């Protein structure tokens, strides 16, 4: 298993703007420019926080996002409005440690997930683009 963080941050180190939104990312170029598609093809599982999920849940064709992976959202909600995303609660470190060792895990965001995984030294790869 390898655990990856792939993200883009602002020069001052933020992933989201002051309203916790990430729509500014769409101004930075296409996925072809970043190599994202090649990266994603290697992933088996995605993990994201509730705020990150809220940013994508209302996008057109959201079911097509991350359709090749098992997708988990850390939330206290028992059900999510998008079918291919599974709610999960608990400790993200424990969750990642129990994943099959043959799987690649893409941690999409946010800080409540990334911070504990960094503290536990569970990331194998950090791919960070700076805007």
Protein backbone atom coordinates (compact mmCIF):
# COMPACT_ATOMS: atom_id res chain seq x y z
CA UNK A 1 0.00 0.00 0.00
CA UNK A 2 1.08 3.52 -0.69
CA UNK A 3 -0.65 6.60 0.68
CA UNK A 4 -0.63 9.71 -1.48
CA UNK A 5 -1.57 13.33 -1.07
CA UNK A 6 -1.94 15.15 -4.37
CA UNK A 7 -3.07 18.71 -4.12
CA UNK A 8 -2.59 22.31 -4.97
CA UNK A 9 -2.03 25.02 -2.42
CA UNK A 10 -1.74 28.76 -2.58
CA UNK A 11 1.60 30.50 -2.08
CA UNK A 12 0.61 31.12 1.55
CA UNK A 13 -0.07 27.41 2.14
CA UNK A 14 -3.86 27.13 1.97
CA UNK A 15 -5.94 24.49 0.20
CA UNK A 16 -9.21 26.42 0.37
CA UNK A 17 -10.18 30.07 0.37
CA UNK A 18 -11.56 31.96 3.36
CA UNK A 19 -15.04 30.48 2.70
CA UNK A 20 -13.56 26.93 2.67
CA UNK A 21 -14.12 26.68 -1.09
CA UNK A 22 -11.78 25.16 -3.67
CA UNK A 23 -13.33 26.47 -6.88
CA UNK A 24 -10.27 28.68 -7.42
CA UNK A 25 -8.47 25.50 -8.54
CA UNK A 26 -10.42 25.46 -11.81
CA UNK A 27 -8.58 28.60 -12.91
CA UNK A 28 -5.17 26.91 -12.90
CA UNK A 29 -5.20 24.73 -15.99
CA UNK A 30 -6.47 21.39 -17.11
CA UNK A 31 -5.83 17.94 -15.69
CA UNK A 32 -3.74 17.26 -18.79
CA UNK A 33 -1.38 20.07 -17.76
CA UNK A 34 -0.86 18.56 -14.29
CA UNK A 35 -0.53 14.82 -15.01
CA UNK A 36 -3.49 14.18 -12.74
CA UNK A 37 -5.13 11.56 -14.98
CA UNK A 38 -2.00 9.38 -14.99
CA UNK A 39 -1.78 9.73 -11.22
CA UNK A 40 -5.44 8.84 -10.64
CA UNK A 41 -5.24 5.69 -12.78
CA UNK A 42 -2.87 4.26 -10.15
CA UNK A 43 -5.29 4.78 -7.24
CA UNK A 44 -7.63 2.21 -5.67
CA UNK A 45 -9.18 4.22 -2.82
CA UNK A 46 -9.93 7.88 -2.18
CA UNK A 47 -10.44 9.45 1.22
CA UNK A 48 -11.79 12.94 1.75
CA UNK A 49 -13.26 15.09 4.46
CA UNK A 50 -16.83 16.33 4.60
CA UNK A 51 -15.97 19.87 3.42
CA UNK A 52 -14.13 18.53 0.40
CA UNK A 53 -17.09 16.30 -0.42
CA UNK A 54 -19.47 19.25 -0.07
CA UNK A 55 -17.44 21.09 -2.71
CA UNK A 56 -17.97 18.36 -5.28
CA UNK A 57 -21.36 16.84 -4.38
CA UNK A 58 -23.40 19.37 -6.37
CA UNK A 59 -21.20 19.42 -9.46
CA UNK A 60 -22.69 18.19 -12.69
CA UNK A 61 -21.93 14.48 -13.26
CA UNK A 62 -20.50 14.06 -9.75
CA UNK A 63 -21.04 10.29 -10.03
CA UNK A 64 -18.36 10.27 -12.73
CA UNK A 65 -15.81 11.78 -10.33
CA UNK A 66 -13.61 9.07 -8.86
CA UNK A 67 -15.66 6.32 -10.50
CA UNK A 68 -12.70 3.93 -10.74
CA UNK A 69 -11.99 3.97 -7.00
CA UNK A 70 -13.63 3.10 -3.70
CA UNK A 71 -14.49 6.50 -2.19
CA UNK A 72 -14.78 7.27 1.51
CA UNK A 73 -15.92 10.50 3.14
CA UNK A 74 -15.12 11.16 6.78
CA UNK A 75 -18.37 12.50 8.19
CA UNK A 76 -20.86 12.01 10.98
CA UNK A 77 -23.61 11.64 8.36
CA UNK A 78 -24.91 8.10 7.93
CA UNK A 79 -25.89 8.58 4.28
CA UNK A 80 -24.48 10.68 1.45
CA UNK A 81 -26.44 12.05 -1.51
CA UNK A 82 -24.03 10.55 -4.07
CA UNK A 83 -24.12 6.80 -4.55
CA UNK A 84 -20.45 5.95 -5.05
CA UNK A 85 -19.25 7.70 -1.87
CA UNK A 86 -19.36 5.85 1.44
CA UNK A 87 -19.57 7.69 4.75
CA UNK A 88 -17.08 6.64 7.39
CA UNK A 89 -16.49 7.92 10.90
CA UNK A 90 -13.70 7.42 13.36
CA UNK A 91 -9.98 7.90 13.38
CA UNK A 92 -8.42 8.38 9.95
CA UNK A 93 -5.11 6.86 11.09
CA UNK A 94 -6.83 3.66 12.23
CA UNK A 95 -8.84 3.59 9.00
CA UNK A 96 -5.78 3.90 6.76
CA UNK A 97 -3.81 1.35 8.77
CA UNK A 98 -6.50 -1.31 8.21
CA UNK A 99 -6.57 -0.90 4.39
CA UNK A 100 -5.32 -3.82 2.30
CA UNK A 101 -1.57 -3.39 1.81
CA UNK A 102 -1.93 -3.92 -1.94
CA UNK A 103 -4.07 -0.78 -2.41
CA UNK A 104 -3.01 2.76 -3.30
CA UNK A 105 -4.79 5.43 -1.28
CA UNK A 106 -5.37 9.01 -2.45
CA UNK A 107 -6.08 11.41 0.41
CA UNK A 108 -7.89 14.29 -1.28
CA UNK A 109 -8.23 16.67 1.70
CA UNK A 110 -8.65 18.38 4.17
CA UNK A 111 -6.55 19.25 7.11
CA UNK A 112 -8.48 17.14 9.62
CA UNK A 113 -7.35 14.10 7.62
CA UNK A 114 -3.99 15.25 6.29
CA UNK A 115 -2.70 16.50 9.66
CA UNK A 116 -3.15 13.25 11.62
CA UNK A 117 -1.77 11.18 8.72
CA UNK A 118 1.31 13.43 8.55
CA UNK A 119 1.75 13.17 12.32
CA UNK A 120 1.56 9.37 12.08
CA UNK A 121 4.08 9.38 9.18
CA UNK A 122 1.67 7.45 6.95
CA UNK A 123 2.17 9.35 3.70
CA UNK A 124 4.44 7.69 1.18
CA UNK A 125 4.13 10.44 -1.43
CA UNK A 126 3.27 14.14 -1.24
CA UNK A 127 2.58 15.72 -4.61
CA UNK A 128 2.00 19.40 -4.05
CA UNK A 129 1.51 22.03 -6.71
CA UNK A 130 1.81 25.67 -5.73
CA UNK A 131 -0.43 28.27 -7.33
